[in-house]
PDB file of N, CA and C in Angstrom:
ATOM      1  N   MET A   1      -4.467 -18.239  -8.372  1.00  0.00           N
ATOM      2  CA  MET A   1      -5.305 -17.166  -7.852  1.00  0.00           C
ATOM      3  C   MET A   1      -5.208 -17.151  -6.328  1.00  0.00           C
ATOM      4  N   GLN A   2      -5.158 -15.959  -5.796  1.00  0.00           N
ATOM      5  CA  GLN A   2      -5.054 -15.766  -4.355  1.00  0.00           C
ATOM      6  C   GLN A   2      -6.412 -15.998  -3.696  1.00  0.00           C
ATOM      7  N   SER A   3      -6.384 -16.490  -2.465  1.00  0.00           N
ATOM      8  CA  SER A   3      -7.632 -16.678  -1.733  1.00  0.00           C
ATOM      9  C   SER A   3      -8.173 -15.323  -1.292  1.00  0.00           C
ATOM     10  N   ALA A   4      -9.457 -15.278  -1.023  1.00  0.00           N
ATOM     11  CA  ALA A   4     -10.081 -14.046  -0.554  1.00  0.00           C
ATOM     12  C   ALA A   4      -9.441 -13.585   0.752  1.00  0.00           C
ATOM     13  N   ARG A   5      -9.098 -14.524   1.600  1.00  0.00           N
ATOM     14  CA  ARG A   5      -8.468 -14.183   2.883  1.00  0.00           C
ATOM     15  C   ARG A   5      -7.113 -13.513   2.663  1.00  0.00           C
ATOM     16  N   THR A   6      -6.320 -14.058   1.749  1.00  0.00           N
ATOM     17  CA  THR A   6      -5.009 -13.487   1.443  1.00  0.00           C
ATOM     18  C   THR A   6      -5.153 -12.092   0.858  1.00  0.00           C
ATOM     19  N   LEU A   7      -6.077 -11.931  -0.084  1.00  0.00           N
ATOM     20  CA  LEU A   7      -6.293 -10.618  -0.694  1.00  0.00           C
ATOM     21  C   LEU A   7      -6.742  -9.597   0.336  1.00  0.00           C
ATOM     22  N   LYS A   8      -7.633  -9.998   1.217  1.00  0.00           N
ATOM     23  CA  LYS A   8      -8.117  -9.078   2.253  1.00  0.00           C
ATOM     24  C   LYS A   8      -6.980  -8.682   3.196  1.00  0.00           C
ATOM     25  N   HIS A   9      -6.156  -9.651   3.564  1.00  0.00           N
ATOM     26  CA  HIS A   9      -5.020  -9.373   4.451  1.00  0.00           C
ATOM     27  C   HIS A   9      -4.068  -8.362   3.806  1.00  0.00           C
ATOM     28  N   HIS A  10      -3.729  -8.587   2.547  1.00  0.00           N
ATOM     29  CA  HIS A  10      -2.793  -7.700   1.870  1.00  0.00           C
ATOM     30  C   HIS A  10      -3.432  -6.350   1.534  1.00  0.00           C
ATOM     31  N   ALA A  11      -4.717  -6.318   1.289  1.00  0.00           N
ATOM     32  CA  ALA A  11      -5.398  -5.037   1.099  1.00  0.00           C
ATOM     33  C   ALA A  11      -5.269  -4.197   2.374  1.00  0.00           C
ATOM     34  N   GLY A  12      -5.380  -4.850   3.512  1.00  0.00           N
ATOM     35  CA  GLY A  12      -5.207  -4.153   4.779  1.00  0.00           C
ATOM     36  C   GLY A  12      -3.791  -3.629   4.948  1.00  0.00           C
ATOM     37  N   LEU A  13      -2.797  -4.443   4.547  1.00  0.00           N
ATOM     38  CA  LEU A  13      -1.407  -3.997   4.625  1.00  0.00           C
ATOM     39  C   LEU A  13      -1.156  -2.801   3.704  1.00  0.00           C
ATOM     40  N   VAL A  14      -1.696  -2.849   2.500  1.00  0.00           N
ATOM     41  CA  VAL A  14      -1.536  -1.736   1.561  1.00  0.00           C
ATOM     42  C   VAL A  14      -2.167  -0.477   2.150  1.00  0.00           C
ATOM     43  N   ASP A  15      -3.346  -0.597   2.705  1.00  0.00           N
ATOM     44  CA  ASP A  15      -4.017   0.564   3.286  1.00  0.00           C
ATOM     45  C   ASP A  15      -3.227   1.124   4.467  1.00  0.00           C
ATOM     46  N   ARG A  16      -2.749   0.240   5.337  1.00  0.00           N
ATOM     47  CA  ARG A  16      -1.956   0.695   6.494  1.00  0.00           C
ATOM     48  C   ARG A  16      -0.664   1.363   6.047  1.00  0.00           C
ATOM     49  N   MET A  17       0.013   0.777   5.071  1.00  0.00           N
ATOM     50  CA  MET A  17       1.272   1.347   4.601  1.00  0.00           C
ATOM     51  C   MET A  17       1.020   2.699   3.948  1.00  0.00           C
ATOM     52  N   ALA A  18      -0.042   2.814   3.177  1.00  0.00           N
ATOM     53  CA  ALA A  18      -0.377   4.098   2.558  1.00  0.00           C
ATOM     54  C   ALA A  18      -0.643   5.147   3.635  1.00  0.00           C
ATOM     55  N   THR A  19      -1.375   4.775   4.651  1.00  0.00           N
ATOM     56  CA  THR A  19      -1.687   5.703   5.733  1.00  0.00           C
ATOM     57  C   THR A  19      -0.409   6.195   6.405  1.00  0.00           C
ATOM     58  N   VAL A  20       0.528   5.280   6.668  1.00  0.00           N
ATOM     59  CA  VAL A  20       1.802   5.661   7.273  1.00  0.00           C
ATOM     60  C   VAL A  20       2.562   6.623   6.358  1.00  0.00           C
ATOM     61  N   GLN A  21       2.380   6.455   5.057  1.00  0.00           N
ATOM     62  CA  GLN A  21       3.041   7.338   4.095  1.00  0.00           C
ATOM     63  C   GLN A  21       2.328   8.688   3.969  1.00  0.00           C
ATOM     64  N   GLY A  22       1.206   8.834   4.638  1.00  0.00           N
ATOM     65  CA  GLY A  22       0.440  10.069   4.541  1.00  0.00           C
ATOM     66  C   GLY A  22      -0.458  10.107   3.329  1.00  0.00           C
ATOM     67  N   VAL A  23      -0.815   8.935   2.823  1.00  0.00           N
ATOM     68  CA  VAL A  23      -1.644   8.824   1.625  1.00  0.00           C
ATOM     69  C   VAL A  23      -2.986   8.216   1.996  1.00  0.00           C
ATOM     70  N   ASP A  24      -4.047   8.937   1.706  1.00  0.00           N
ATOM     71  CA  ASP A  24      -5.411   8.435   1.897  1.00  0.00           C
ATOM     72  C   ASP A  24      -5.868   7.873   0.555  1.00  0.00           C
ATOM     73  N   LEU A  25      -5.897   6.556   0.449  1.00  0.00           N
ATOM     74  CA  LEU A  25      -6.212   5.920  -0.836  1.00  0.00           C
ATOM     75  C   LEU A  25      -7.599   6.290  -1.343  1.00  0.00           C
ATOM     76  N   GLU A  26      -8.569   6.368  -0.454  1.00  0.00           N
ATOM     77  CA  GLU A  26      -9.923   6.738  -0.870  1.00  0.00           C
ATOM     78  C   GLU A  26      -9.935   8.164  -1.434  1.00  0.00           C
ATOM     79  N   GLU A  27      -9.245   9.059  -0.784  1.00  0.00           N
ATOM     80  CA  GLU A  27      -9.168  10.434  -1.263  1.00  0.00           C
ATOM     81  C   GLU A  27      -8.493  10.501  -2.631  1.00  0.00           C
ATOM     82  N   LYS A  28      -7.422   9.727  -2.801  1.00  0.00           N
ATOM     83  CA  LYS A  28      -6.714   9.723  -4.083  1.00  0.00           C
ATOM     84  C   LYS A  28      -7.594   9.158  -5.199  1.00  0.00           C
ATOM     85  N   MET A  29      -8.452   8.219  -4.866  1.00  0.00           N
ATOM     86  CA  MET A  29      -9.388   7.704  -5.869  1.00  0.00           C
ATOM     87  C   MET A  29     -10.398   8.781  -6.240  1.00  0.00           C
ATOM     88  N   MET A  30     -10.911   9.495  -5.250  1.00  0.00           N
ATOM     89  CA  MET A  30     -11.884  10.560  -5.526  1.00  0.00           C
ATOM     90  C   MET A  30     -11.247  11.695  -6.329  1.00  0.00           C
ATOM     91  N   GLU A  31      -9.948  11.923  -6.129  1.00  0.00           N
ATOM     92  CA  GLU A  31      -9.232  12.946  -6.889  1.00  0.00           C
ATOM     93  C   GLU A  31      -8.898  12.482  -8.305  1.00  0.00           C
ATOM     94  N   GLY A  32      -9.099  11.206  -8.587  1.00  0.00           N
ATOM     95  CA  GLY A  32      -8.806  10.666  -9.904  1.00  0.00           C
ATOM     96  C   GLY A  32      -7.343  10.299 -10.110  1.00  0.00           C
ATOM     97  N   LEU A  33      -6.563  10.271  -9.027  1.00  0.00           N
ATOM     98  CA  LEU A  33      -5.153   9.926  -9.133  1.00  0.00           C
ATOM     99  C   LEU A  33      -4.903   8.427  -9.020  1.00  0.00           C
ATOM    100  N   LEU A  34      -5.870   7.707  -8.503  1.00  0.00           N
ATOM    101  CA  LEU A  34      -5.745   6.264  -8.310  1.00  0.00           C
ATOM    102  C   LEU A  34      -7.011   5.591  -8.825  1.00  0.00           C
ATOM    103  N   THR A  35      -6.834   4.650  -9.734  1.00  0.00           N
ATOM    104  CA  THR A  35      -7.978   3.912 -10.268  1.00  0.00           C
ATOM    105  C   THR A  35      -8.184   2.642  -9.454  1.00  0.00           C
ATOM    106  N   PRO A  36      -9.389   2.087  -9.485  1.00  0.00           N
ATOM    107  CA  PRO A  36      -9.600   0.805  -8.816  1.00  0.00           C
ATOM    108  C   PRO A  36      -8.640  -0.273  -9.324  1.00  0.00           C
ATOM    109  N   GLY A  37      -8.350  -0.261 -10.607  1.00  0.00           N
ATOM    110  CA  GLY A  37      -7.419  -1.238 -11.169  1.00  0.00           C
ATOM    111  C   GLY A  37      -6.010  -1.086 -10.614  1.00  0.00           C
ATOM    112  N   ALA A  38      -5.559   0.155 -10.473  1.00  0.00           N
ATOM    113  CA  ALA A  38      -4.226   0.397  -9.917  1.00  0.00           C
ATOM    114  C   ALA A  38      -4.161  -0.021  -8.453  1.00  0.00           C
ATOM    115  N   LEU A  39      -5.243   0.194  -7.728  1.00  0.00           N
ATOM    116  CA  LEU A  39      -5.283  -0.245  -6.333  1.00  0.00           C
ATOM    117  C   LEU A  39      -5.260  -1.770  -6.269  1.00  0.00           C
ATOM    118  N   GLY A  40      -5.999  -2.417  -7.146  1.00  0.00           N
ATOM    119  CA  GLY A  40      -5.977  -3.879  -7.210  1.00  0.00           C
ATOM    120  C   GLY A  40      -4.591  -4.400  -7.541  1.00  0.00           C
ATOM    121  N   ASP A  41      -3.903  -3.711  -8.458  1.00  0.00           N
ATOM    122  CA  ASP A  41      -2.539  -4.104  -8.802  1.00  0.00           C
ATOM    123  C   ASP A  41      -1.610  -3.958  -7.601  1.00  0.00           C
ATOM    124  N   ALA A  42      -1.817  -2.920  -6.801  1.00  0.00           N
ATOM    125  CA  ALA A  42      -1.000  -2.717  -5.600  1.00  0.00           C
ATOM    126  C   ALA A  42      -1.207  -3.857  -4.612  1.00  0.00           C
ATOM    127  N   VAL A  43      -2.447  -4.270  -4.449  1.00  0.00           N
ATOM    128  CA  VAL A  43      -2.739  -5.386  -3.539  1.00  0.00           C
ATOM    129  C   VAL A  43      -2.100  -6.669  -4.070  1.00  0.00           C
ATOM    130  N   LEU A  44      -2.225  -6.912  -5.368  1.00  0.00           N
ATOM    131  CA  LEU A  44      -1.602  -8.108  -5.952  1.00  0.00           C
ATOM    132  C   LEU A  44      -0.082  -8.073  -5.818  1.00  0.00           C
ATOM    133  N   ALA A  45       0.514  -6.895  -5.997  1.00  0.00           N
ATOM    134  CA  ALA A  45       1.962  -6.771  -5.808  1.00  0.00           C
ATOM    135  C   ALA A  45       2.323  -7.110  -4.372  1.00  0.00           C
ATOM    136  N   CYS A  46       1.522  -6.664  -3.443  1.00  0.00           N
ATOM    137  CA  CYS A  46       1.758  -6.942  -2.025  1.00  0.00           C
ATOM    138  C   CYS A  46       1.684  -8.435  -1.737  1.00  0.00           C
ATOM    139  N   THR A  47       0.802  -9.142  -2.410  1.00  0.00           N
ATOM    140  CA  THR A  47       0.678 -10.584  -2.160  1.00  0.00           C
ATOM    141  C   THR A  47       1.944 -11.325  -2.569  1.00  0.00           C
ATOM    142  N   GLY A  48       2.743 -10.738  -3.450  1.00  0.00           N
ATOM    143  CA  GLY A  48       3.987 -11.355  -3.875  1.00  0.00           C
ATOM    144  C   GLY A  48       5.166 -11.045  -2.969  1.00  0.00           C
ATOM    145  N   CYS A  49       4.934 -10.271  -1.951  1.00  0.00           N
ATOM    146  CA  CYS A  49       5.999  -9.890  -1.034  1.00  0.00           C
ATOM    147  C   CYS A  49       6.463 -11.098  -0.215  1.00  0.00           C
ATOM    148  N   ALA A  50       7.766 -11.198  -0.054  1.00  0.00           N
ATOM    149  CA  ALA A  50       8.340 -12.282   0.747  1.00  0.00           C
ATOM    150  C   ALA A  50       8.378 -11.930   2.230  1.00  0.00           C
ATOM    151  N   ASN A  51       8.001 -10.693   2.585  1.00  0.00           N
ATOM    152  CA  ASN A  51       8.132 -10.224   3.960  1.00  0.00           C
ATOM    153  C   ASN A  51       6.844  -9.695   4.588  1.00  0.00           C
ATOM    154  N   PRO A  52       5.686 -10.293   4.357  1.00  0.00           N
ATOM    155  CA  PRO A  52       4.475  -9.696   4.927  1.00  0.00           C
ATOM    156  C   PRO A  52       4.499  -9.638   6.455  1.00  0.00           C
ATOM    157  N   GLY A  53       5.104 -10.622   7.090  1.00  0.00           N
ATOM    158  CA  GLY A  53       5.214 -10.593   8.549  1.00  0.00           C
ATOM    159  C   GLY A  53       6.109  -9.459   9.012  1.00  0.00           C
ATOM    160  N   ASP A  54       7.224  -9.253   8.284  1.00  0.00           N
ATOM    161  CA  ASP A  54       8.112  -8.134   8.605  1.00  0.00           C
ATOM    162  C   ASP A  54       7.385  -6.818   8.417  1.00  0.00           C
ATOM    163  N   CYS A  55       6.576  -6.737   7.387  1.00  0.00           N
ATOM    164  CA  CYS A  55       5.805  -5.523   7.114  1.00  0.00           C
ATOM    165  C   CYS A  55       4.857  -5.228   8.282  1.00  0.00           C
ATOM    166  N   GLU A  56       4.175  -6.235   8.751  1.00  0.00           N
ATOM    167  CA  GLU A  56       3.266  -6.040   9.884  1.00  0.00           C
ATOM    168  C   GLU A  56       4.010  -5.533  11.102  1.00  0.00           C
ATOM    169  N   HIS A  57       5.166  -6.129  11.397  1.00  0.00           N
ATOM    170  CA  HIS A  57       5.967  -5.687  12.542  1.00  0.00           C
ATOM    171  C   HIS A  57       6.456  -4.253  12.336  1.00  0.00           C
ATOM    172  N   TRP A  58       6.874  -3.941  11.120  1.00  0.00           N
ATOM    173  CA  TRP A  58       7.339  -2.595  10.800  1.00  0.00           C
ATOM    174  C   TRP A  58       6.208  -1.584  11.019  1.00  0.00           C
ATOM    175  N   LEU A  59       5.034  -1.915  10.525  1.00  0.00           N
ATOM    176  CA  LEU A  59       3.889  -1.019  10.681  1.00  0.00           C
ATOM    177  C   LEU A  59       3.518  -0.831  12.149  1.00  0.00           C
ATOM    178  N   ASP A  60       3.585  -1.889  12.927  1.00  0.00           N
ATOM    179  CA  ASP A  60       3.269  -1.794  14.346  1.00  0.00           C
ATOM    180  C   ASP A  60       4.291  -0.935  15.096  1.00  0.00           C
ATOM    181  N   ALA A  61       5.548  -1.015  14.674  1.00  0.00           N
ATOM    182  CA  ALA A  61       6.614  -0.293  15.367  1.00  0.00           C
ATOM    183  C   ALA A  61       6.755   1.161  14.920  1.00  0.00           C
ATOM    184  N   ARG A  62       6.332   1.468  13.702  1.00  0.00           N
ATOM    185  CA  ARG A  62       6.513   2.801  13.129  1.00  0.00           C
ATOM    186  C   ARG A  62       5.206   3.322  12.544  1.00  0.00           C
ATOM    187  N   PRO A  63       4.230   3.578  13.377  1.00  0.00           N
ATOM    188  CA  PRO A  63       2.927   3.965  12.832  1.00  0.00           C
ATOM    189  C   PRO A  63       2.897   5.326  12.151  1.00  0.00           C
ATOM    190  N   ASP A  64       3.943   6.132  12.285  1.00  0.00           N
ATOM    191  CA  ASP A  64       3.904   7.457  11.661  1.00  0.00           C
ATOM    192  C   ASP A  64       5.261   7.892  11.112  1.00  0.00           C
ATOM    193  N   SER A  65       6.051   6.942  10.632  1.00  0.00           N
ATOM    194  CA  SER A  65       7.410   7.280  10.196  1.00  0.00           C
ATOM    195  C   SER A  65       7.450   8.024   8.870  1.00  0.00           C
ATOM    196  N   GLY A  66       6.499   7.762   7.987  1.00  0.00           N
ATOM    197  CA  GLY A  66       6.465   8.454   6.712  1.00  0.00           C
ATOM    198  C   GLY A  66       7.373   7.892   5.634  1.00  0.00           C
ATOM    199  N   THR A  67       8.140   6.863   5.914  1.00  0.00           N
ATOM    200  CA  THR A  67       9.026   6.266   4.925  1.00  0.00           C
ATOM    201  C   THR A  67       8.816   4.763   4.900  1.00  0.00           C
ATOM    202  N   ALA A  68       8.459   4.244   3.739  1.00  0.00           N
ATOM    203  CA  ALA A  68       8.222   2.797   3.606  1.00  0.00           C
ATOM    204  C   ALA A  68       9.549   2.048   3.610  1.00  0.00           C
ATOM    205  N   PRO A  69       9.538   0.805   4.060  1.00  0.00           N
ATOM    206  CA  PRO A  69      10.768   0.007   3.994  1.00  0.00           C
ATOM    207  C   PRO A  69      11.140  -0.257   2.535  1.00  0.00           C
ATOM    208  N   ASP A  70      12.425  -0.436   2.304  1.00  0.00           N
ATOM    209  CA  ASP A  70      12.930  -0.628   0.935  1.00  0.00           C
ATOM    210  C   ASP A  70      12.284  -1.795   0.211  1.00  0.00           C
ATOM    211  N   TYR A  71      11.890  -2.825   0.958  1.00  0.00           N
ATOM    212  CA  TYR A  71      11.337  -4.017   0.313  1.00  0.00           C
ATOM    213  C   TYR A  71       9.871  -3.875  -0.077  1.00  0.00           C
ATOM    214  N   CYS A  72       9.238  -2.767   0.273  1.00  0.00           N
ATOM    215  CA  CYS A  72       7.820  -2.574  -0.068  1.00  0.00           C
ATOM    216  C   CYS A  72       7.675  -2.484  -1.579  1.00  0.00           C
ATOM    217  N   ARG A  73       6.818  -3.322  -2.116  1.00  0.00           N
ATOM    218  CA  ARG A  73       6.605  -3.361  -3.568  1.00  0.00           C
ATOM    219  C   ARG A  73       5.779  -2.184  -4.079  1.00  0.00           C
ATOM    220  N   ASN A  74       5.235  -1.391  -3.170  1.00  0.00           N
ATOM    221  CA  ASN A  74       4.399  -0.269  -3.571  1.00  0.00           C
ATOM    222  C   ASN A  74       4.980   1.079  -3.169  1.00  0.00           C
ATOM    223  N   VAL A  75       6.250   1.107  -2.808  1.00  0.00           N
ATOM    224  CA  VAL A  75       6.866   2.345  -2.338  1.00  0.00           C
ATOM    225  C   VAL A  75       6.779   3.451  -3.401  1.00  0.00           C
ATOM    226  N   ASP A  76       6.980   3.113  -4.668  1.00  0.00           N
ATOM    227  CA  ASP A  76       6.903   4.123  -5.731  1.00  0.00           C
ATOM    228  C   ASP A  76       5.476   4.628  -5.915  1.00  0.00           C
ATOM    229  N   LEU A  77       4.513   3.736  -5.820  1.00  0.00           N
ATOM    230  CA  LEU A  77       3.108   4.132  -5.921  1.00  0.00           C
ATOM    231  C   LEU A  77       2.766   5.141  -4.834  1.00  0.00           C
ATOM    232  N   PHE A  78       3.151   4.837  -3.602  1.00  0.00           N
ATOM    233  CA  PHE A  78       2.844   5.747  -2.498  1.00  0.00           C
ATOM    234  C   PHE A  78       3.534   7.090  -2.678  1.00  0.00           C
ATOM    235  N   ALA A  79       4.768   7.083  -3.144  1.00  0.00           N
ATOM    236  CA  ALA A  79       5.512   8.333  -3.375  1.00  0.00           C
ATOM    237  C   ALA A  79       4.821   9.164  -4.452  1.00  0.00           C
ATOM    238  N   ASP A  80       4.398   8.510  -5.543  1.00  0.00           N
ATOM    239  CA  ASP A  80       3.697   9.231  -6.598  1.00  0.00           C
ATOM    240  C   ASP A  80       2.403   9.849  -6.096  1.00  0.00           C
ATOM    241  N   LEU A  81       1.618   9.065  -5.383  1.00  0.00           N
ATOM    242  CA  LEU A  81       0.345   9.571  -4.883  1.00  0.00           C
ATOM    243  C   LEU A  81       0.555  10.717  -3.888  1.00  0.00           C
ATOM    244  N   LYS A  82       1.540  10.574  -3.045  1.00  0.00           N
ATOM    245  CA  LYS A  82       1.821  11.622  -2.059  1.00  0.00           C
ATOM    246  C   LYS A  82       2.222  12.920  -2.754  1.00  0.00           C
ATOM    247  N   ALA A  83       2.921  12.800  -3.878  1.00  0.00           N
ATOM    248  CA  ALA A  83       3.351  13.959  -4.653  1.00  0.00           C
ATOM    249  C   ALA A  83       2.270  14.500  -5.577  1.00  0.00           C
ATOM    250  N   GLY A  84       1.098  13.848  -5.586  1.00  0.00           N
ATOM    251  CA  GLY A  84      -0.007  14.299  -6.426  1.00  0.00           C
ATOM    252  C   GLY A  84       0.062  13.822  -7.853  1.00  0.00           C
ATOM    253  N   ARG A  85       0.873  12.787  -8.084  1.00  0.00           N
ATOM    254  CA  ARG A  85       0.969  12.214  -9.436  1.00  0.00           C
ATOM    255  C   ARG A  85       0.042  11.009  -9.552  1.00  0.00           C
ATOM    256  N   SER A  86      -0.470  10.785 -10.733  1.00  0.00           N
ATOM    257  CA  SER A  86      -1.349   9.652 -10.988  1.00  0.00           C
ATOM    258  C   SER A  86      -0.593   8.342 -10.904  1.00  0.00           C
ATOM    259  N   ALA A  87      -1.335   7.318 -10.482  1.00  0.00           N
ATOM    260  CA  ALA A  87      -0.750   5.984 -10.401  1.00  0.00           C
ATOM    261  C   ALA A  87      -0.973   5.248 -11.708  1.00  0.00           C
TER     262      ALA A  87
END
């Protein structure tokens, strides 16, 4: 089981990456396209990433690029949500 600190850190990364993709996770939840469980799964997927430091640097360098790096474990989720598809 992941520590609360690790989960919080990766939840922040997921939120930042979604924002860069033009996806407001809270809005998608209110629209019914994203469930709390799917968001939790996204955070857990992020915790398995081998590149969280690279992700942070990428986010800092490209705050509005609109394209996630290939290694992002949630790139498909963000693409679906951005297109208005359910997660």
